[in-house]
């Protein structure tokens, strides 16, 4: 049976589903990411959202110079969200005039901050964070955004607003 409008993926270690909790002004649904079971695999292997073999979330800039992407997430019942830089990584693949593509990582150049502005619906008692990741555009070609989640927590989960914001 095909259920249009929803998405679900599960491995022995991860589960990702569309969920009715959402950020006001963002996507009408979020992606719930959780790794509550340890399938005996390597805990450093991430769940990819748009892995390298796929383009990911694409955006074509209208001007060169410094731009940034904003990513909104919330947590529920996670033991220690302070190491977010290592547990949820956003990478941007930026084309260059040489034909190469530079990769910018949130774990190196991104800044996580508390998001006290967003309003999340259909869920309460959430720990809200926003990532700002700057990148430099020299060629007006599409940039690709990919994400990886590698957080193991017996009780917690994370919601990702898939409507990333480009500025």
N, C-alpha and C. Protein backbone atom coordinates (compact mmCIF):
# COMPACT_ATOMS: atom_id res chain seq x y z
N UNK A 1 0.84 -1.18 0.00
CA UNK A 1 0.00 0.00 0.00
C UNK A 1 0.89 1.25 0.00
N UNK A 2 0.58 2.21 -0.82
CA UNK A 2 1.34 3.45 -0.89
C UNK A 2 0.59 4.51 -0.10
N UNK A 3 1.29 5.16 0.79
CA UNK A 3 0.72 6.23 1.59
C UNK A 3 1.37 7.53 1.14
N UNK A 4 0.70 8.28 0.29
CA UNK A 4 1.29 9.51 -0.24
C UNK A 4 1.37 10.57 0.86
N UNK A 5 2.39 11.38 0.78
CA UNK A 5 2.55 12.46 1.73
C UNK A 5 3.33 12.09 2.98
N UNK A 6 3.73 10.83 3.10
CA UNK A 6 4.52 10.44 4.27
C UNK A 6 5.81 9.78 3.81
N UNK A 7 6.75 9.68 4.72
CA UNK A 7 8.03 9.08 4.41
C UNK A 7 8.49 8.31 5.64
N UNK A 8 9.07 7.15 5.41
CA UNK A 8 9.50 6.31 6.51
C UNK A 8 10.73 5.53 6.09
N UNK A 9 11.72 5.48 6.96
CA UNK A 9 12.91 4.67 6.70
C UNK A 9 13.39 4.12 8.03
N UNK A 10 13.80 2.86 8.02
CA UNK A 10 14.28 2.26 9.25
C UNK A 10 15.40 1.27 8.93
N UNK A 11 16.42 1.27 9.77
CA UNK A 11 17.49 0.29 9.69
C UNK A 11 17.57 -0.37 11.05
N UNK A 12 18.55 -1.23 11.25
CA UNK A 12 18.66 -1.86 12.56
C UNK A 12 19.02 -0.85 13.64
N UNK A 13 19.55 0.30 13.27
CA UNK A 13 19.96 1.29 14.25
C UNK A 13 19.12 2.58 14.25
N UNK A 14 18.53 2.94 13.12
CA UNK A 14 17.87 4.24 12.99
C UNK A 14 16.42 4.11 12.56
N UNK A 15 15.67 5.16 12.86
CA UNK A 15 14.32 5.29 12.33
C UNK A 15 14.10 6.75 11.98
N UNK A 16 13.55 7.00 10.80
CA UNK A 16 13.22 8.36 10.36
C UNK A 16 11.83 8.33 9.75
N UNK A 17 10.95 9.19 10.24
CA UNK A 17 9.58 9.22 9.77
C UNK A 17 9.10 10.65 9.64
N UNK A 18 8.13 10.87 8.76
CA UNK A 18 7.48 12.19 8.76
C UNK A 18 6.57 12.22 9.99
N UNK A 19 6.42 13.41 10.52
CA UNK A 19 5.68 13.55 11.77
C UNK A 19 4.82 14.79 11.71
N UNK A 20 3.74 14.79 12.49
CA UNK A 20 2.81 15.93 12.43
C UNK A 20 3.28 17.13 13.24
N UNK A 21 4.34 17.00 14.03
CA UNK A 21 4.91 18.17 14.70
C UNK A 21 5.60 19.02 13.63
N UNK A 22 5.41 20.31 13.71
CA UNK A 22 6.00 21.18 12.69
C UNK A 22 6.30 22.56 13.25
N UNK A 23 7.19 23.27 12.55
CA UNK A 23 7.57 24.63 12.93
C UNK A 23 6.69 25.61 12.17
N UNK A 24 6.04 26.50 12.89
CA UNK A 24 5.22 27.52 12.25
C UNK A 24 6.10 28.34 11.32
N UNK A 25 5.69 28.48 10.06
CA UNK A 25 6.48 29.19 9.06
C UNK A 25 7.44 28.29 8.31
N UNK A 26 7.50 27.02 8.69
CA UNK A 26 8.38 26.07 8.03
C UNK A 26 7.58 25.07 7.22
N UNK A 27 8.06 23.87 7.17
CA UNK A 27 7.40 22.79 6.45
C UNK A 27 6.14 22.36 7.21
N UNK A 28 5.11 21.84 6.53
CA UNK A 28 3.90 21.41 7.23
C UNK A 28 4.08 20.13 8.03
N UNK A 29 5.23 19.50 7.95
CA UNK A 29 5.54 18.30 8.74
C UNK A 29 7.04 18.30 9.00
N UNK A 30 7.45 17.54 9.98
CA UNK A 30 8.88 17.44 10.28
C UNK A 30 9.34 16.00 10.02
N UNK A 31 10.64 15.82 10.07
CA UNK A 31 11.21 14.47 10.01
C UNK A 31 11.66 14.14 11.42
N UNK A 32 11.09 13.08 11.96
CA UNK A 32 11.47 12.63 13.30
C UNK A 32 12.62 11.64 13.15
N UNK A 33 13.74 11.96 13.78
CA UNK A 33 14.94 11.13 13.72
C UNK A 33 15.20 10.53 15.08
N UNK A 34 15.40 9.22 15.11
CA UNK A 34 15.70 8.59 16.39
C UNK A 34 16.60 7.38 16.21
N UNK A 35 17.40 7.19 17.21
CA UNK A 35 18.28 6.02 17.27
C UNK A 35 18.22 5.53 18.71
N UNK A 36 17.18 4.79 19.00
CA UNK A 36 16.93 4.34 20.37
C UNK A 36 17.38 2.92 20.61
N UNK A 37 17.76 2.25 19.56
CA UNK A 37 18.25 0.88 19.71
C UNK A 37 19.65 0.80 19.17
N UNK A 38 20.45 0.00 19.79
CA UNK A 38 21.80 -0.22 19.31
C UNK A 38 21.81 -1.58 18.65
N UNK A 39 21.84 -1.58 17.33
CA UNK A 39 21.79 -2.83 16.58
C UNK A 39 23.11 -3.55 16.55
N UNK A 40 24.05 -3.11 17.36
CA UNK A 40 25.34 -3.76 17.40
C UNK A 40 26.30 -3.22 16.35
N UNK A 41 25.84 -2.25 15.59
CA UNK A 41 26.70 -1.67 14.55
C UNK A 41 27.59 -0.58 15.10
N UNK A 42 28.33 0.03 14.23
CA UNK A 42 29.22 1.12 14.57
C UNK A 42 28.40 2.36 14.86
N UNK A 43 28.51 2.91 16.07
CA UNK A 43 27.71 4.08 16.44
C UNK A 43 28.18 5.35 15.75
N UNK A 44 29.29 5.30 15.01
CA UNK A 44 29.75 6.46 14.27
C UNK A 44 29.21 6.50 12.84
N UNK A 45 28.52 5.45 12.42
CA UNK A 45 27.94 5.44 11.08
C UNK A 45 26.63 6.23 11.13
N UNK A 46 26.52 7.30 10.33
CA UNK A 46 25.34 8.17 10.42
C UNK A 46 24.17 7.69 9.56
N UNK A 47 23.00 8.21 9.89
CA UNK A 47 21.85 8.13 9.01
C UNK A 47 21.94 9.36 8.12
N UNK A 48 22.05 9.16 6.82
CA UNK A 48 22.17 10.28 5.88
C UNK A 48 20.79 10.76 5.44
N UNK A 49 20.63 12.05 5.39
CA UNK A 49 19.47 12.67 4.75
C UNK A 49 20.05 13.27 3.48
N UNK A 50 19.76 12.65 2.36
CA UNK A 50 20.37 12.99 1.06
C UNK A 50 21.85 12.62 1.08
N UNK A 51 22.17 11.33 1.01
CA UNK A 51 23.57 10.91 1.03
C UNK A 51 24.34 11.38 -0.18
N UNK A 52 25.67 11.24 -0.17
CA UNK A 52 26.51 11.77 -1.25
C UNK A 52 26.14 11.31 -2.66
N UNK A 53 25.53 10.15 -2.79
CA UNK A 53 25.16 9.69 -4.13
C UNK A 53 23.93 10.42 -4.67
N UNK A 54 23.28 11.24 -3.84
CA UNK A 54 22.12 12.03 -4.25
C UNK A 54 22.45 13.51 -4.16
N UNK A 55 21.69 14.32 -4.86
CA UNK A 55 21.97 15.76 -4.87
C UNK A 55 21.67 16.44 -3.55
N UNK A 56 20.70 15.98 -2.82
CA UNK A 56 20.33 16.63 -1.57
C UNK A 56 19.36 17.77 -1.81
N UNK A 57 19.27 18.66 -0.87
CA UNK A 57 18.42 19.84 -1.01
C UNK A 57 19.21 20.83 -1.83
N UNK A 58 18.65 21.25 -2.97
CA UNK A 58 19.38 22.16 -3.86
C UNK A 58 18.83 23.57 -3.78
N UNK A 59 19.74 24.51 -3.93
CA UNK A 59 19.38 25.92 -3.99
C UNK A 59 20.33 26.61 -4.96
N UNK A 60 19.78 27.43 -5.84
CA UNK A 60 20.59 28.18 -6.79
C UNK A 60 20.65 29.64 -6.34
N UNK A 61 21.83 30.12 -5.99
CA UNK A 61 21.95 31.51 -5.54
C UNK A 61 21.74 32.49 -6.69
N UNK A 62 21.27 33.69 -6.35
CA UNK A 62 21.06 34.72 -7.37
C UNK A 62 22.21 35.74 -7.37
N UNK A 63 23.12 35.59 -6.41
CA UNK A 63 24.27 36.50 -6.36
C UNK A 63 25.47 35.78 -5.76
N UNK A 64 26.65 36.28 -6.08
CA UNK A 64 27.86 35.74 -5.48
C UNK A 64 28.06 36.40 -4.11
N UNK A 65 29.04 35.90 -3.37
CA UNK A 65 29.33 36.45 -2.05
C UNK A 65 28.94 35.48 -0.95
N UNK A 66 28.90 36.00 0.28
CA UNK A 66 28.59 35.17 1.44
C UNK A 66 27.09 34.98 1.59
N UNK A 67 26.69 33.74 1.71
CA UNK A 67 25.30 33.37 1.97
C UNK A 67 25.31 32.49 3.21
N UNK A 68 24.13 32.12 3.69
CA UNK A 68 24.07 31.18 4.80
C UNK A 68 22.80 30.34 4.69
N UNK A 69 22.87 29.18 5.30
CA UNK A 69 21.72 28.31 5.39
C UNK A 69 21.35 28.23 6.87
N UNK A 70 20.04 28.22 7.14
CA UNK A 70 19.54 28.06 8.50
C UNK A 70 18.77 26.75 8.56
N UNK A 71 19.06 25.96 9.58
CA UNK A 71 18.40 24.68 9.79
C UNK A 71 17.80 24.69 11.19
N UNK A 72 16.53 24.31 11.29
CA UNK A 72 15.82 24.32 12.56
C UNK A 72 15.56 22.90 13.03
N UNK A 73 15.91 22.62 14.30
CA UNK A 73 15.68 21.32 14.90
C UNK A 73 15.17 21.51 16.32
N UNK A 74 14.51 20.48 16.83
CA UNK A 74 14.12 20.43 18.24
C UNK A 74 14.38 19.03 18.77
N UNK A 75 14.56 18.94 20.09
CA UNK A 75 14.84 17.67 20.74
C UNK A 75 13.81 17.41 21.81
N UNK A 76 13.63 16.15 22.08
CA UNK A 76 12.78 15.75 23.20
C UNK A 76 13.48 14.62 23.94
N UNK A 77 13.66 14.80 25.22
CA UNK A 77 14.21 13.77 26.11
C UNK A 77 15.62 13.33 25.78
N UNK A 78 16.38 14.13 25.08
CA UNK A 78 17.76 13.74 24.80
C UNK A 78 18.64 14.10 25.99
N UNK A 79 19.51 13.18 26.34
CA UNK A 79 20.30 13.32 27.56
C UNK A 79 21.26 14.51 27.52
N UNK A 80 21.99 14.69 26.43
CA UNK A 80 23.01 15.74 26.39
C UNK A 80 23.09 16.38 25.00
N UNK A 81 22.33 17.45 24.78
CA UNK A 81 22.36 18.10 23.47
C UNK A 81 23.56 19.02 23.25
N UNK A 82 24.49 19.07 24.19
CA UNK A 82 25.62 20.00 24.06
C UNK A 82 26.60 19.59 22.97
N UNK A 83 26.63 18.32 22.62
CA UNK A 83 27.56 17.88 21.58
C UNK A 83 26.87 17.76 20.22
N UNK A 84 25.95 18.69 19.98
CA UNK A 84 25.17 18.70 18.74
C UNK A 84 26.04 18.77 17.49
N UNK A 85 27.16 19.48 17.56
CA UNK A 85 28.05 19.61 16.40
C UNK A 85 28.52 18.27 15.87
N UNK A 86 28.67 17.29 16.75
CA UNK A 86 29.14 15.98 16.32
C UNK A 86 28.01 15.02 15.99
N UNK A 87 26.82 15.27 16.52
CA UNK A 87 25.72 14.31 16.39
C UNK A 87 24.78 14.60 15.22
N UNK A 88 24.74 15.85 14.77
CA UNK A 88 23.92 16.22 13.61
C UNK A 88 24.75 17.18 12.77
N UNK A 89 25.18 16.71 11.62
CA UNK A 89 26.10 17.50 10.78
C UNK A 89 25.43 17.86 9.47
N UNK A 90 25.49 19.13 9.13
CA UNK A 90 25.01 19.63 7.84
C UNK A 90 26.23 19.92 6.99
N UNK A 91 26.18 19.50 5.74
CA UNK A 91 27.28 19.83 4.84
C UNK A 91 26.71 20.46 3.57
N UNK A 92 27.42 21.47 3.09
CA UNK A 92 27.01 22.18 1.88
C UNK A 92 28.10 21.97 0.84
N UNK A 93 27.69 21.54 -0.32
CA UNK A 93 28.61 21.34 -1.44
C UNK A 93 28.47 22.55 -2.36
N UNK A 94 29.54 23.34 -2.45
CA UNK A 94 29.51 24.61 -3.18
C UNK A 94 30.38 24.51 -4.44
N UNK A 95 29.80 24.74 -5.63
CA UNK A 95 30.60 24.66 -6.87
C UNK A 95 31.57 25.83 -6.98
N UNK A 96 32.69 25.55 -7.64
CA UNK A 96 33.72 26.56 -7.89
C UNK A 96 33.95 26.68 -9.39
N UNK A 97 34.56 27.78 -9.82
CA UNK A 97 34.80 28.03 -11.24
C UNK A 97 35.77 27.02 -11.85
N UNK A 98 36.54 26.34 -11.03
CA UNK A 98 37.49 25.34 -11.52
C UNK A 98 36.81 24.02 -11.87
N UNK A 99 35.51 23.91 -11.55
CA UNK A 99 34.79 22.66 -11.75
C UNK A 99 34.76 21.80 -10.50
N UNK A 100 35.55 22.15 -9.52
CA UNK A 100 35.56 21.42 -8.24
C UNK A 100 34.39 21.89 -7.39
N UNK A 101 34.15 21.17 -6.32
CA UNK A 101 33.11 21.53 -5.37
C UNK A 101 33.71 21.51 -3.96
N UNK A 102 33.63 22.63 -3.27
CA UNK A 102 34.09 22.69 -1.89
C UNK A 102 32.97 22.21 -0.97
N UNK A 103 33.34 21.60 0.14
CA UNK A 103 32.35 21.16 1.11
C UNK A 103 32.56 21.94 2.40
N UNK A 104 31.47 22.54 2.88
CA UNK A 104 31.47 23.30 4.11
C UNK A 104 30.70 22.49 5.15
N UNK A 105 31.29 22.25 6.32
CA UNK A 105 30.68 21.43 7.36
C UNK A 105 30.21 22.28 8.54
N UNK A 106 29.01 21.97 9.03
CA UNK A 106 28.50 22.70 10.19
C UNK A 106 29.33 22.42 11.43
N UNK A 107 29.93 21.25 11.52
CA UNK A 107 30.74 20.92 12.70
C UNK A 107 31.99 21.78 12.78
N UNK A 108 32.38 22.41 11.68
CA UNK A 108 33.58 23.26 11.66
C UNK A 108 33.19 24.74 11.58
N UNK A 109 32.28 25.08 10.67
CA UNK A 109 32.00 26.49 10.41
C UNK A 109 30.60 26.95 10.83
N UNK A 110 29.80 26.04 11.35
CA UNK A 110 28.43 26.39 11.74
C UNK A 110 28.34 26.89 13.16
N UNK A 111 27.25 27.58 13.45
CA UNK A 111 26.97 28.08 14.79
C UNK A 111 25.57 27.66 15.20
N UNK A 112 25.48 26.89 16.29
CA UNK A 112 24.19 26.52 16.86
C UNK A 112 23.81 27.53 17.91
N UNK A 113 22.55 27.93 17.93
CA UNK A 113 22.07 28.84 18.97
C UNK A 113 20.67 28.42 19.39
N UNK A 114 20.28 28.88 20.56
CA UNK A 114 18.93 28.61 21.03
C UNK A 114 17.95 29.35 20.13
N UNK A 115 16.89 28.69 19.77
CA UNK A 115 15.87 29.29 18.91
C UNK A 115 14.64 29.61 19.76
N UNK A 116 14.58 30.82 20.25
CA UNK A 116 13.45 31.22 21.10
C UNK A 116 12.34 31.88 20.30
N UNK A 117 12.52 32.00 18.98
CA UNK A 117 11.54 32.68 18.13
C UNK A 117 10.53 31.71 17.51
N UNK A 118 11.00 30.57 17.08
CA UNK A 118 10.12 29.61 16.39
C UNK A 118 9.06 29.06 17.33
N UNK A 119 7.93 28.73 16.72
CA UNK A 119 6.85 28.08 17.46
C UNK A 119 6.61 26.73 16.80
N UNK A 120 6.78 25.67 17.59
CA UNK A 120 6.55 24.31 17.10
C UNK A 120 5.17 23.87 17.53
N UNK A 121 4.43 23.29 16.60
CA UNK A 121 3.05 22.88 16.83
C UNK A 121 2.98 21.36 17.00
N UNK A 122 1.98 20.90 17.71
CA UNK A 122 1.66 19.48 17.91
C UNK A 122 2.64 18.77 18.84
N UNK A 123 3.45 19.50 19.57
CA UNK A 123 4.41 18.88 20.48
C UNK A 123 4.81 19.92 21.53
N UNK A 124 5.12 19.47 22.74
CA UNK A 124 5.47 20.38 23.83
C UNK A 124 6.79 19.97 24.47
N UNK A 125 7.33 20.88 25.30
CA UNK A 125 8.55 20.65 26.07
C UNK A 125 9.72 20.27 25.18
N UNK A 126 9.95 21.09 24.18
CA UNK A 126 11.03 20.84 23.22
C UNK A 126 12.22 21.76 23.48
N UNK A 127 13.39 21.26 23.18
CA UNK A 127 14.63 22.03 23.26
C UNK A 127 14.93 22.50 21.85
N UNK A 128 14.76 23.80 21.57
CA UNK A 128 14.83 24.35 20.21
C UNK A 128 16.22 24.90 19.90
N UNK A 129 16.73 24.53 18.71
CA UNK A 129 18.02 25.02 18.26
C UNK A 129 17.94 25.41 16.78
N UNK A 130 18.80 26.35 16.39
CA UNK A 130 18.89 26.78 15.01
C UNK A 130 20.38 26.79 14.62
N UNK A 131 20.66 26.24 13.46
CA UNK A 131 22.02 26.25 12.93
C UNK A 131 22.12 27.33 11.87
N UNK A 132 23.17 28.12 11.92
CA UNK A 132 23.50 29.04 10.84
C UNK A 132 24.85 28.62 10.29
N UNK A 133 24.88 28.34 8.99
CA UNK A 133 26.11 27.88 8.36
C UNK A 133 26.41 28.77 7.16
N UNK A 134 27.44 29.64 7.27
CA UNK A 134 27.79 30.52 6.16
C UNK A 134 28.61 29.78 5.10
N UNK A 135 28.48 30.23 3.87
CA UNK A 135 29.28 29.68 2.77
C UNK A 135 29.45 30.75 1.72
N UNK A 136 30.54 30.66 0.97
CA UNK A 136 30.88 31.67 -0.03
C UNK A 136 30.56 31.16 -1.43
N UNK A 137 29.78 31.93 -2.18
CA UNK A 137 29.39 31.58 -3.54
C UNK A 137 30.23 32.38 -4.52
N UNK A 138 30.90 31.69 -5.44
CA UNK A 138 31.68 32.36 -6.49
C UNK A 138 31.12 32.09 -7.88
N UNK A 139 30.26 31.07 -7.98
CA UNK A 139 29.66 30.66 -9.25
C UNK A 139 28.16 30.49 -9.03
N UNK A 140 27.35 31.04 -9.92
CA UNK A 140 25.89 30.95 -9.75
C UNK A 140 25.37 29.60 -10.27
N UNK A 141 25.71 28.56 -9.54
CA UNK A 141 25.26 27.20 -9.83
C UNK A 141 24.67 26.62 -8.55
N UNK A 142 23.83 25.60 -8.66
CA UNK A 142 23.18 25.03 -7.48
C UNK A 142 24.16 24.52 -6.43
N UNK A 143 23.85 24.81 -5.17
CA UNK A 143 24.57 24.23 -4.05
C UNK A 143 23.71 23.09 -3.50
N UNK A 144 24.36 22.08 -2.95
CA UNK A 144 23.66 20.92 -2.39
C UNK A 144 23.83 20.90 -0.88
N UNK A 145 22.75 20.60 -0.18
CA UNK A 145 22.79 20.48 1.27
C UNK A 145 22.46 19.04 1.65
N UNK A 146 23.32 18.45 2.47
CA UNK A 146 23.10 17.10 2.97
C UNK A 146 23.24 17.14 4.49
N UNK A 147 22.61 16.17 5.15
CA UNK A 147 22.65 16.11 6.61
C UNK A 147 22.93 14.69 7.05
N UNK A 148 23.58 14.56 8.20
CA UNK A 148 23.80 13.24 8.78
C UNK A 148 23.51 13.28 10.28
N UNK A 149 22.81 12.26 10.73
CA UNK A 149 22.36 12.14 12.11
C UNK A 149 23.02 10.90 12.70
N UNK A 150 23.74 11.06 13.82
CA UNK A 150 24.37 9.90 14.44
C UNK A 150 24.33 10.00 15.96
N UNK A 151 23.15 10.16 16.48
CA UNK A 151 22.94 10.35 17.90
C UNK A 151 22.27 9.13 18.48
N UNK A 152 22.90 8.50 19.44
CA UNK A 152 22.29 7.35 20.12
C UNK A 152 21.77 7.80 21.47
N UNK A 153 20.48 7.60 21.73
CA UNK A 153 19.87 7.96 22.99
C UNK A 153 18.68 7.04 23.21
N UNK A 154 18.64 6.38 24.35
CA UNK A 154 17.56 5.42 24.62
C UNK A 154 16.18 6.05 24.72
N UNK A 155 16.11 7.31 25.08
CA UNK A 155 14.81 7.94 25.33
C UNK A 155 14.47 9.07 24.37
N UNK A 156 15.46 9.66 23.73
CA UNK A 156 15.23 10.89 23.01
C UNK A 156 15.05 10.74 21.52
N UNK A 157 14.65 11.84 20.92
CA UNK A 157 14.51 11.93 19.47
C UNK A 157 14.63 13.38 19.06
N UNK A 158 14.75 13.59 17.78
CA UNK A 158 14.92 14.93 17.24
C UNK A 158 13.95 15.12 16.09
N UNK A 159 13.39 16.32 15.99
CA UNK A 159 12.59 16.72 14.84
C UNK A 159 13.42 17.66 13.99
N UNK A 160 13.40 17.45 12.70
CA UNK A 160 14.08 18.32 11.75
C UNK A 160 13.02 18.98 10.87
N UNK A 161 13.08 20.29 10.78
CA UNK A 161 12.22 20.99 9.81
C UNK A 161 12.94 20.91 8.47
N UNK A 162 12.38 20.16 7.51
CA UNK A 162 13.07 20.02 6.22
C UNK A 162 13.08 21.28 5.36
N UNK A 163 12.38 22.31 5.78
CA UNK A 163 12.40 23.58 5.04
C UNK A 163 13.60 24.41 5.49
N UNK A 164 14.76 24.06 4.97
CA UNK A 164 15.94 24.85 5.30
C UNK A 164 15.79 26.23 4.66
N UNK A 165 16.37 27.22 5.30
CA UNK A 165 16.25 28.62 4.84
C UNK A 165 17.59 29.05 4.27
N UNK A 166 17.57 29.56 3.05
CA UNK A 166 18.78 30.10 2.42
C UNK A 166 18.71 31.61 2.41
N UNK A 167 19.81 32.24 2.76
CA UNK A 167 19.87 33.72 2.73
C UNK A 167 21.13 34.13 2.00
